[in-house]
PDB file of N, CA and C in Angstrom:
ATOM      1  N   MET A   1      37.814  -0.329 -22.483  1.00  0.00           N
ATOM      2  CA  MET A   1      36.660   0.902 -22.873  1.00  0.00           C
ATOM      3  C   MET A   1      35.732  -0.367 -21.868  1.00  0.00           C
ATOM      4  N   LYS A   2      35.175  -1.442 -21.925  1.00  0.00           N
ATOM      5  CA  LYS A   2      34.386  -2.411 -21.307  1.00  0.00           C
ATOM      6  C   LYS A   2      34.817  -2.224 -19.781  1.00  0.00           C
ATOM      7  N   LEU A   3      36.139  -2.637 -19.572  1.00  0.00           N
ATOM      8  CA  LEU A   3      36.345  -2.339 -17.862  1.00  0.00           C
ATOM      9  C   LEU A   3      35.768  -0.843 -17.040  1.00  0.00           C
ATOM     10  N   LEU A   4      35.838   0.282 -18.248  1.00  0.00           N
ATOM     11  CA  LEU A   4      35.129   1.469 -17.813  1.00  0.00           C
ATOM     12  C   LEU A   4      33.930   1.645 -17.527  1.00  0.00           C
ATOM     13  N   GLN A   5      33.380   1.009 -18.354  1.00  0.00           N
ATOM     14  CA  GLN A   5      31.841   1.192 -18.847  1.00  0.00           C
ATOM     15  C   GLN A   5      31.207   0.344 -17.517  1.00  0.00           C
ATOM     16  N   GLY A   6      32.328  -1.188 -17.358  1.00  0.00           N
ATOM     17  CA  GLY A   6      31.891  -1.976 -16.012  1.00  0.00           C
ATOM     18  C   GLY A   6      31.631  -0.943 -14.400  1.00  0.00           C
ATOM     19  N   ALA A   7      33.039  -0.496 -14.451  1.00  0.00           N
ATOM     20  CA  ALA A   7      33.451   0.340 -13.526  1.00  0.00           C
ATOM     21  C   ALA A   7      32.158   1.172 -12.845  1.00  0.00           C
ATOM     22  N   ALA A   8      31.849   2.105 -14.322  1.00  0.00           N
ATOM     23  CA  ALA A   8      30.876   2.854 -13.861  1.00  0.00           C
ATOM     24  C   ALA A   8      29.307   2.407 -13.079  1.00  0.00           C
ATOM     25  N   LEU A   9      29.190   1.277 -14.412  1.00  0.00           N
ATOM     26  CA  LEU A   9      27.798   0.835 -13.580  1.00  0.00           C
ATOM     27  C   LEU A   9      27.779   0.171 -12.300  1.00  0.00           C
ATOM     28  N   ILE A  10      29.029   0.190 -12.225  1.00  0.00           N
ATOM     29  CA  ILE A  10      29.274  -0.743 -10.622  1.00  0.00           C
ATOM     30  C   ILE A  10      28.742   0.510  -9.560  1.00  0.00           C
ATOM     31  N   ALA A  11      29.681   1.532  -9.794  1.00  0.00           N
ATOM     32  CA  ALA A  11      29.899   2.425  -9.045  1.00  0.00           C
ATOM     33  C   ALA A  11      28.404   3.879  -9.291  1.00  0.00           C
ATOM     34  N   LEU A  12      27.554   3.142 -10.445  1.00  0.00           N
ATOM     35  CA  LEU A  12      25.813   3.798 -10.373  1.00  0.00           C
ATOM     36  C   LEU A  12      25.721   3.325  -9.509  1.00  0.00           C
ATOM     37  N   THR A  13      24.986   1.539  -9.445  1.00  0.00           N
ATOM     38  CA  THR A  13      24.759   0.918  -8.830  1.00  0.00           C
ATOM     39  C   THR A  13      24.262   0.865  -7.364  1.00  0.00           C
ATOM     40  N   THR A  14      26.149   1.310  -7.147  1.00  0.00           N
ATOM     41  CA  THR A  14      25.938   1.464  -5.345  1.00  0.00           C
ATOM     42  C   THR A  14      25.725   2.514  -5.024  1.00  0.00           C
ATOM     43  N   GLY A  15      25.563   3.823  -6.241  1.00  0.00           N
ATOM     44  CA  GLY A  15      25.084   5.299  -5.559  1.00  0.00           C
ATOM     45  C   GLY A  15      24.238   4.963  -5.303  1.00  0.00           C
ATOM     46  N   LEU A  16      23.109   3.991  -6.270  1.00  0.00           N
ATOM     47  CA  LEU A  16      21.920   4.062  -6.216  1.00  0.00           C
ATOM     48  C   LEU A  16      21.263   3.490  -4.821  1.00  0.00           C
ATOM     49  N   ALA A  17      22.054   2.203  -4.496  1.00  0.00           N
ATOM     50  CA  ALA A  17      21.819   1.747  -3.748  1.00  0.00           C
ATOM     51  C   ALA A  17      21.432   2.209  -2.161  1.00  0.00           C
ATOM     52  N   GLY A  18      22.777   3.113  -2.190  1.00  0.00           N
ATOM     53  CA  GLY A  18      22.848   4.101  -1.080  1.00  0.00           C
ATOM     54  C   GLY A  18      21.215   4.475  -0.777  1.00  0.00           C
ATOM     55  N   CYS A  19      21.105   5.145  -1.846  1.00  0.00           N
ATOM     56  CA  CYS A  19      19.585   5.994  -1.798  1.00  0.00           C
ATOM     57  C   CYS A  19      18.233   5.511  -1.257  1.00  0.00           C
ATOM     58  N   MET A  20      17.954   4.135  -1.169  1.00  0.00           N
ATOM     59  CA  MET A  20      17.294   3.280  -0.701  1.00  0.00           C
ATOM     60  C   MET A  20      17.164   2.396   0.502  1.00  0.00           C
ATOM     61  N   ASP A  21      18.080   3.794   0.930  1.00  0.00           N
ATOM     62  CA  ASP A  21      18.571   2.986   2.690  1.00  0.00           C
ATOM     63  C   ASP A  21      17.592   3.978   3.994  1.00  0.00           C
ATOM     64  N   ASN A  22      17.008   4.995   3.124  1.00  0.00           N
ATOM     65  CA  ASN A  22      16.258   5.830   4.306  1.00  0.00           C
ATOM     66  C   ASN A  22      15.131   5.072   4.587  1.00  0.00           C
ATOM     67  N   LYS A  23      15.313   5.289   5.967  1.00  0.00           N
ATOM     68  CA  LYS A  23      13.567   4.704   6.217  1.00  0.00           C
ATOM     69  C   LYS A  23      12.860   5.507   6.100  1.00  0.00           C
ATOM     70  N   ILE A  24      11.300   5.060   5.855  1.00  0.00           N
ATOM     71  CA  ILE A  24      10.016   6.283   5.456  1.00  0.00           C
ATOM     72  C   ILE A  24       8.977   5.547   6.171  1.00  0.00           C
ATOM     73  N   ASP A  25       8.311   6.892   7.288  1.00  0.00           N
ATOM     74  CA  ASP A  25       7.136   5.905   8.214  1.00  0.00           C
ATOM     75  C   ASP A  25       5.946   5.532   6.993  1.00  0.00           C
ATOM     76  N   LYS A  26       5.731   3.992   6.905  1.00  0.00           N
ATOM     77  CA  LYS A  26       4.252   3.736   6.047  1.00  0.00           C
ATOM     78  C   LYS A  26       3.306   4.159   6.650  1.00  0.00           C
ATOM     79  N   THR A  27       3.242   4.711   7.730  1.00  0.00           N
ATOM     80  CA  THR A  27       1.635   4.886   8.248  1.00  0.00           C
ATOM     81  C   THR A  27       0.948   6.033   8.176  1.00  0.00           C
ATOM     82  N   VAL A  28       1.887   6.698   7.521  1.00  0.00           N
ATOM     83  CA  VAL A  28       1.478   8.211   7.405  1.00  0.00           C
ATOM     84  C   VAL A  28       1.673   8.665   5.808  1.00  0.00           C
ATOM     85  N   ASP A  29      -0.094   9.110   5.471  1.00  0.00           N
ATOM     86  CA  ASP A  29      -0.261   9.381   4.235  1.00  0.00           C
ATOM     87  C   ASP A  29       0.380  10.569   3.892  1.00  0.00           C
ATOM     88  N   ARG A  30       1.132  10.687   2.980  1.00  0.00           N
ATOM     89  CA  ARG A  30       2.097  11.944   2.508  1.00  0.00           C
ATOM     90  C   ARG A  30       1.458  12.624   1.100  1.00  0.00           C
ATOM     91  N   GLY A  31       0.023  12.552   1.166  1.00  0.00           N
ATOM     92  CA  GLY A  31      -0.913  13.182   0.014  1.00  0.00           C
ATOM     93  C   GLY A  31      -1.251  14.308   0.168  1.00  0.00           C
ATOM     94  N   ILE A  32      -1.896  14.921  -0.566  1.00  0.00           N
ATOM     95  CA  ILE A  32      -2.880  16.344  -0.367  1.00  0.00           C
ATOM     96  C   ILE A  32      -3.192  16.631   0.653  1.00  0.00           C
ATOM     97  N   ASP A  33      -3.710  15.552   1.332  1.00  0.00           N
ATOM     98  CA  ASP A  33      -3.899  15.762   2.611  1.00  0.00           C
ATOM     99  C   ASP A  33      -4.300  14.473   3.352  1.00  0.00           C
ATOM    100  N   SER A  34      -2.501  15.024   3.926  1.00  0.00           N
ATOM    101  CA  SER A  34      -1.990  13.876   4.173  1.00  0.00           C
ATOM    102  C   SER A  34      -2.153  13.973   5.726  1.00  0.00           C
ATOM    103  N   LYS A  35      -2.397  12.844   6.309  1.00  0.00           N
ATOM    104  CA  LYS A  35      -2.580  12.041   7.610  1.00  0.00           C
ATOM    105  C   LYS A  35      -2.323  11.400   8.320  1.00  0.00           C
ATOM    106  N   HIS A  36      -2.359  10.511   9.559  1.00  0.00           N
ATOM    107  CA  HIS A  36      -1.898   9.395   9.987  1.00  0.00           C
ATOM    108  C   HIS A  36      -3.137   8.461   9.443  1.00  0.00           C
ATOM    109  N   LEU A  37      -3.218   7.114   8.725  1.00  0.00           N
ATOM    110  CA  LEU A  37      -3.656   6.240   7.891  1.00  0.00           C
ATOM    111  C   LEU A  37      -4.875   5.737   9.176  1.00  0.00           C
ATOM    112  N   SER A  38      -4.449   5.863  10.444  1.00  0.00           N
ATOM    113  CA  SER A  38      -5.494   5.679  11.564  1.00  0.00           C
ATOM    114  C   SER A  38      -6.641   6.394  11.586  1.00  0.00           C
ATOM    115  N   GLN A  39      -6.523   7.816  10.674  1.00  0.00           N
ATOM    116  CA  GLN A  39      -7.990   8.305  10.305  1.00  0.00           C
ATOM    117  C   GLN A  39      -8.589   8.492   9.316  1.00  0.00           C
ATOM    118  N   LEU A  40      -7.964   7.405   8.149  1.00  0.00           N
ATOM    119  CA  LEU A  40      -8.806   7.575   7.323  1.00  0.00           C
ATOM    120  C   LEU A  40      -9.803   6.041   7.160  1.00  0.00           C
ATOM    121  N   LYS A  41     -10.692   5.658   6.697  1.00  0.00           N
ATOM    122  CA  LYS A  41     -11.819   4.373   7.125  1.00  0.00           C
ATOM    123  C   LYS A  41     -11.790   3.289   6.238  1.00  0.00           C
ATOM    124  N   ALA A  42     -11.284   1.914   7.079  1.00  0.00           N
ATOM    125  CA  ALA A  42     -10.925   0.748   6.114  1.00  0.00           C
ATOM    126  C   ALA A  42     -11.721   0.440   5.565  1.00  0.00           C
ATOM    127  N   GLY A  43     -11.994  -0.630   4.674  1.00  0.00           N
ATOM    128  CA  GLY A  43     -12.835  -1.522   4.183  1.00  0.00           C
ATOM    129  C   GLY A  43     -12.447  -2.896   3.711  1.00  0.00           C
ATOM    130  N   ILE A  44     -13.099  -3.562   2.765  1.00  0.00           N
ATOM    131  CA  ILE A  44     -12.633  -4.999   2.950  1.00  0.00           C
ATOM    132  C   ILE A  44     -12.412  -5.374   1.555  1.00  0.00           C
ATOM    133  N   TRP A  45     -11.551  -5.971   1.016  1.00  0.00           N
ATOM    134  CA  TRP A  45     -11.689  -6.152  -0.260  1.00  0.00           C
ATOM    135  C   TRP A  45     -11.417  -7.694  -0.482  1.00  0.00           C
ATOM    136  N   ILE A  46     -12.594  -8.966  -1.200  1.00  0.00           N
ATOM    137  CA  ILE A  46     -12.147  -9.973  -0.863  1.00  0.00           C
ATOM    138  C   ILE A  46     -11.439 -10.171  -2.262  1.00  0.00           C
ATOM    139  N   ASP A  47     -10.432 -11.095  -1.831  1.00  0.00           N
ATOM    140  CA  ASP A  47      -9.649 -11.125  -3.110  1.00  0.00           C
ATOM    141  C   ASP A  47      -9.956 -13.201  -3.608  1.00  0.00           C
ATOM    142  N   PRO A  48      -9.034 -13.443  -4.984  1.00  0.00           N
ATOM    143  CA  PRO A  48     -10.235 -14.099  -5.580  1.00  0.00           C
ATOM    144  C   PRO A  48     -10.712 -15.536  -4.619  1.00  0.00           C
ATOM    145  N   LYS A  49      -8.953 -15.867  -3.704  1.00  0.00           N
ATOM    146  CA  LYS A  49      -9.646 -17.089  -3.118  1.00  0.00           C
ATOM    147  C   LYS A  49     -10.766 -17.243  -2.091  1.00  0.00           C
ATOM    148  N   GLY A  50     -11.501 -15.500  -1.762  1.00  0.00           N
ATOM    149  CA  GLY A  50     -12.332 -15.807  -0.828  1.00  0.00           C
ATOM    150  C   GLY A  50     -11.716 -14.727   0.849  1.00  0.00           C
ATOM    151  N   CYS A  51     -10.257 -14.505   0.652  1.00  0.00           N
ATOM    152  CA  CYS A  51      -9.721 -13.702   1.733  1.00  0.00           C
ATOM    153  C   CYS A  51     -10.031 -12.574   2.024  1.00  0.00           C
ATOM    154  N   ASP A  52      -9.863 -11.734   3.086  1.00  0.00           N
ATOM    155  CA  ASP A  52      -9.899 -10.648   3.495  1.00  0.00           C
ATOM    156  C   ASP A  52      -8.808  -9.684   3.427  1.00  0.00           C
ATOM    157  N   HIS A  53      -8.755  -8.646   2.665  1.00  0.00           N
ATOM    158  CA  HIS A  53      -7.722  -7.412   2.754  1.00  0.00           C
ATOM    159  C   HIS A  53      -8.487  -6.031   3.308  1.00  0.00           C
ATOM    160  N   TRP A  54      -7.751  -5.782   4.476  1.00  0.00           N
ATOM    161  CA  TRP A  54      -7.888  -4.278   4.111  1.00  0.00           C
ATOM    162  C   TRP A  54      -7.510  -3.177   3.221  1.00  0.00           C
ATOM    163  N   ILE A  55      -8.626  -2.445   2.957  1.00  0.00           N
ATOM    164  CA  ILE A  55      -7.988  -1.017   2.185  1.00  0.00           C
ATOM    165  C   ILE A  55      -8.883   0.206   2.253  1.00  0.00           C
ATOM    166  N   ILE A  56      -7.948   1.240   1.827  1.00  0.00           N
ATOM    167  CA  ILE A  56      -8.150   2.638   2.211  1.00  0.00           C
ATOM    168  C   ILE A  56      -8.263   2.927   0.672  1.00  0.00           C
ATOM    169  N   ASP A  57      -8.795   3.876   0.327  1.00  0.00           N
ATOM    170  CA  ASP A  57      -8.993   4.934  -1.152  1.00  0.00           C
ATOM    171  C   ASP A  57      -8.606   6.643  -0.495  1.00  0.00           C
ATOM    172  N   ASP A  58      -7.782   7.624  -0.482  1.00  0.00           N
ATOM    173  CA  ASP A  58      -7.950   8.372   0.152  1.00  0.00           C
ATOM    174  C   ASP A  58      -8.223   9.867  -1.427  1.00  0.00           C
ATOM    175  N   GLY A  59      -8.339   8.933  -2.348  1.00  0.00           N
ATOM    176  CA  GLY A  59      -8.748   9.887  -3.812  1.00  0.00           C
ATOM    177  C   GLY A  59      -7.445   9.499  -4.634  1.00  0.00           C
ATOM    178  N   ALA A  60      -6.252   9.932  -3.902  1.00  0.00           N
ATOM    179  CA  ALA A  60      -5.258  10.275  -4.572  1.00  0.00           C
ATOM    180  C   ALA A  60      -4.563   8.458  -4.504  1.00  0.00           C
ATOM    181  N   GLU A  61      -4.182   7.879  -3.546  1.00  0.00           N
ATOM    182  CA  GLU A  61      -3.665   7.029  -3.202  1.00  0.00           C
ATOM    183  C   GLU A  61      -3.891   5.850  -2.733  1.00  0.00           C
ATOM    184  N   GLY A  62      -3.867   4.727  -2.659  1.00  0.00           N
ATOM    185  CA  GLY A  62      -4.781   3.243  -2.592  1.00  0.00           C
ATOM    186  C   GLY A  62      -3.586   2.744  -1.533  1.00  0.00           C
ATOM    187  N   TYR A  63      -4.249   1.790  -0.411  1.00  0.00           N
ATOM    188  CA  TYR A  63      -2.920   1.566   0.488  1.00  0.00           C
ATOM    189  C   TYR A  63      -4.345  -0.295   0.794  1.00  0.00           C
ATOM    190  N   LEU A  64      -3.319  -1.514   0.538  1.00  0.00           N
ATOM    191  CA  LEU A  64      -3.774  -2.249   0.843  1.00  0.00           C
ATOM    192  C   LEU A  64      -3.383  -3.330   1.320  1.00  0.00           C
ATOM    193  N   SER A  65      -3.588  -3.842   2.637  1.00  0.00           N
ATOM    194  CA  SER A  65      -2.753  -4.992   3.345  1.00  0.00           C
ATOM    195  C   SER A  65      -3.855  -6.309   3.795  1.00  0.00           C
ATOM    196  N   GLN A  66      -3.512  -7.074   3.949  1.00  0.00           N
ATOM    197  CA  GLN A  66      -3.847  -8.442   4.485  1.00  0.00           C
ATOM    198  C   GLN A  66      -4.677  -8.535   5.469  1.00  0.00           C
ATOM    199  N   ARG A  67      -5.831  -9.295   5.729  1.00  0.00           N
ATOM    200  CA  ARG A  67      -6.145  -9.095   6.973  1.00  0.00           C
ATOM    201  C   ARG A  67      -5.990 -10.566   7.726  1.00  0.00           C
ATOM    202  N   LEU A  68      -5.162 -10.463   9.015  1.00  0.00           N
ATOM    203  CA  LEU A  68      -4.576 -11.634   9.809  1.00  0.00           C
ATOM    204  C   LEU A  68      -5.421 -12.066  11.024  1.00  0.00           C
ATOM    205  N   ASP A  69      -5.736 -12.661  11.372  1.00  0.00           N
ATOM    206  CA  ASP A  69      -5.652 -12.978  12.518  1.00  0.00           C
ATOM    207  C   ASP A  69      -4.617 -13.245  13.814  1.00  0.00           C
ATOM    208  N   LYS A  70      -5.291 -13.228  14.965  1.00  0.00           N
ATOM    209  CA  LYS A  70      -4.146 -13.050  16.137  1.00  0.00           C
ATOM    210  C   LYS A  70      -2.614 -14.153  15.708  1.00  0.00           C
ATOM    211  N   TYR A  71      -3.227 -15.384  14.849  1.00  0.00           N
ATOM    212  CA  TYR A  71      -2.091 -16.479  15.099  1.00  0.00           C
ATOM    213  C   TYR A  71      -1.111 -15.850  13.494  1.00  0.00           C
ATOM    214  N   GLY A  72      -1.486 -14.583  12.649  1.00  0.00           N
ATOM    215  CA  GLY A  72      -1.044 -14.838  10.990  1.00  0.00           C
ATOM    216  C   GLY A  72      -1.206 -15.139  10.434  1.00  0.00           C
ATOM    217  N   LYS A  73      -2.489 -15.919  10.502  1.00  0.00           N
ATOM    218  CA  LYS A  73      -3.107 -16.753   8.952  1.00  0.00           C
ATOM    219  C   LYS A  73      -4.032 -15.472   8.513  1.00  0.00           C
ATOM    220  N   PRO A  74      -4.391 -15.991   7.168  1.00  0.00           N
ATOM    221  CA  PRO A  74      -5.303 -15.105   6.813  1.00  0.00           C
ATOM    222  C   PRO A  74      -6.859 -15.209   7.040  1.00  0.00           C
ATOM    223  N   VAL A  75      -7.687 -14.376   7.315  1.00  0.00           N
ATOM    224  CA  VAL A  75      -9.105 -14.067   7.542  1.00  0.00           C
ATOM    225  C   VAL A  75      -9.738 -14.302   6.113  1.00  0.00           C
ATOM    226  N   CYS A  76     -10.583 -15.193   6.164  1.00  0.00           N
ATOM    227  CA  CYS A  76     -11.454 -15.511   5.078  1.00  0.00           C
ATOM    228  C   CYS A  76     -12.695 -15.626   5.568  1.00  0.00           C
ATOM    229  N   SER A  77     -13.616 -14.070   5.955  1.00  0.00           N
ATOM    230  CA  SER A  77     -14.740 -14.232   6.389  1.00  0.00           C
ATOM    231  C   SER A  77     -16.257 -14.512   5.622  1.00  0.00           C
ATOM    232  N   GLY A  78     -16.286 -14.428   4.490  1.00  0.00           N
ATOM    233  CA  GLY A  78     -17.307 -14.645   3.746  1.00  0.00           C
ATOM    234  C   GLY A  78     -18.182 -13.593   3.609  1.00  0.00           C
ATOM    235  N   ALA A  79     -17.376 -12.403   3.869  1.00  0.00           N
ATOM    236  CA  ALA A  79     -18.377 -11.092   3.740  1.00  0.00           C
ATOM    237  C   ALA A  79     -18.726 -10.455   3.066  1.00  0.00           C
ATOM    238  N   ALA A  80     -18.745 -11.099   1.814  1.00  0.00           N
ATOM    239  CA  ALA A  80     -18.668 -10.812   0.604  1.00  0.00           C
ATOM    240  C   ALA A  80     -18.415 -11.622  -0.612  1.00  0.00           C
ATOM    241  N   PRO A  81     -18.756 -11.870  -1.756  1.00  0.00           N
ATOM    242  CA  PRO A  81     -18.412 -12.532  -3.185  1.00  0.00           C
ATOM    243  C   PRO A  81     -16.845 -12.472  -3.187  1.00  0.00           C
ATOM    244  N   PRO A  82     -15.715 -13.075  -3.694  1.00  0.00           N
ATOM    245  CA  PRO A  82     -14.836 -12.712  -4.301  1.00  0.00           C
ATOM    246  C   PRO A  82     -14.652 -11.658  -5.508  1.00  0.00           C
ATOM    247  N   ASN A  83     -13.444 -10.787  -5.452  1.00  0.00           N
ATOM    248  CA  ASN A  83     -14.023  -9.793  -5.868  1.00  0.00           C
ATOM    249  C   ASN A  83     -13.949  -8.731  -5.821  1.00  0.00           C
ATOM    250  N   THR A  84     -14.865  -8.490  -4.861  1.00  0.00           N
ATOM    251  CA  THR A  84     -15.690  -7.365  -4.162  1.00  0.00           C
ATOM    252  C   THR A  84     -14.782  -6.742  -2.857  1.00  0.00           C
ATOM    253  N   ALA A  85     -15.318  -5.595  -3.307  1.00  0.00           N
ATOM    254  CA  ALA A  85     -15.032  -4.293  -2.115  1.00  0.00           C
ATOM    255  C   ALA A  85     -16.084  -3.864  -1.618  1.00  0.00           C
ATOM    256  N   ILE A  86     -15.973  -4.429  -0.067  1.00  0.00           N
ATOM    257  CA  ILE A  86     -17.194  -3.054   0.995  1.00  0.00           C
ATOM    258  C   ILE A  86     -16.932  -2.452   1.606  1.00  0.00           C
ATOM    259  N   GLY A  87     -17.829  -1.382   2.844  1.00  0.00           N
ATOM    260  CA  GLY A  87     -17.237  -0.912   3.199  1.00  0.00           C
ATOM    261  C   GLY A  87     -16.971   0.586   3.070  1.00  0.00           C
ATOM    262  N   PRO A  88     -16.696   1.186   4.414  1.00  0.00           N
ATOM    263  CA  PRO A  88     -16.223   2.760   3.718  1.00  0.00           C
ATOM    264  C   PRO A  88     -15.284   3.121   3.423  1.00  0.00           C
ATOM    265  N   PHE A  89     -14.244   2.482   2.661  1.00  0.00           N
ATOM    266  CA  PHE A  89     -12.670   2.549   2.427  1.00  0.00           C
ATOM    267  C   PHE A  89     -12.107   4.178   1.399  1.00  0.00           C
ATOM    268  N   LYS A  90     -13.687   4.494   0.791  1.00  0.00           N
ATOM    269  CA  LYS A  90     -13.264   6.187   0.487  1.00  0.00           C
ATOM    270  C   LYS A  90     -13.583   7.102   1.191  1.00  0.00           C
ATOM    271  N   SER A  91     -14.000   6.887   2.584  1.00  0.00           N
ATOM    272  CA  SER A  91     -14.444   7.547   3.522  1.00  0.00           C
ATOM    273  C   SER A  91     -12.909   8.390   4.262  1.00  0.00           C
ATOM    274  N   GLY A  92     -13.238   9.335   4.959  1.00  0.00           N
ATOM    275  CA  GLY A  92     -12.132  10.155   5.602  1.00  0.00           C
ATOM    276  C   GLY A  92     -11.461  11.040   5.254  1.00  0.00           C
ATOM    277  N   SER A  93     -11.211  11.305   3.766  1.00  0.00           N
ATOM    278  CA  SER A  93     -10.693  11.908   2.957  1.00  0.00           C
ATOM    279  C   SER A  93     -11.214  13.310   2.309  1.00  0.00           C
ATOM    280  N   ALA A  94     -11.048  14.120   2.301  1.00  0.00           N
ATOM    281  CA  ALA A  94     -11.625  15.468   1.462  1.00  0.00           C
ATOM    282  C   ALA A  94     -10.823  15.751   0.004  1.00  0.00           C
ATOM    283  N   PHE A  95     -10.128  14.865  -0.456  1.00  0.00           N
ATOM    284  CA  PHE A  95     -10.265  14.947  -1.478  1.00  0.00           C
ATOM    285  C   PHE A  95     -10.591  13.809  -2.623  1.00  0.00           C
ATOM    286  N   PRO A  96     -11.082  14.474  -3.375  1.00  0.00           N
ATOM    287  CA  PRO A  96     -11.978  13.345  -4.278  1.00  0.00           C
ATOM    288  C   PRO A  96     -11.415  12.366  -5.440  1.00  0.00           C
ATOM    289  N   ASP A  97     -12.177  11.476  -5.811  1.00  0.00           N
ATOM    290  CA  ASP A  97     -11.160  10.659  -6.569  1.00  0.00           C
ATOM    291  C   ASP A  97     -10.944  10.735  -7.613  1.00  0.00           C
ATOM    292  N   PRO A  98     -10.325  10.975  -8.429  1.00  0.00           N
ATOM    293  CA  PRO A  98      -9.949  11.970  -9.741  1.00  0.00           C
ATOM    294  C   PRO A  98     -10.366  10.957 -10.846  1.00  0.00           C
ATOM    295  N   ILE A  99     -10.941   9.594 -10.516  1.00  0.00           N
ATOM    296  CA  ILE A  99     -10.742   8.423 -11.588  1.00  0.00           C
ATOM    297  C   ILE A  99     -12.546   7.763 -11.765  1.00  0.00           C
TER     298      ILE A  99
END
């Protein structure tokens, strides 16, 4: 019986792993007012260490990406105190924030 359960678990795991193989374009917002992320306006969130992260909030979803210089190092601009969000990161969407 345990051998049969083990085989079923392996088959299920293998089947689910195959579902994860599809590639999705992560630069496209697939929400209610879906559009390419370049059409939304980003702001900056300053992390606890003082480094910048690009943020976008379209009302239903949020996006975050670390801000890097041309050498791939974090940008820590000092534009605001740590744990602060600045800029028009809630702009560019017609969908109101439900929270």
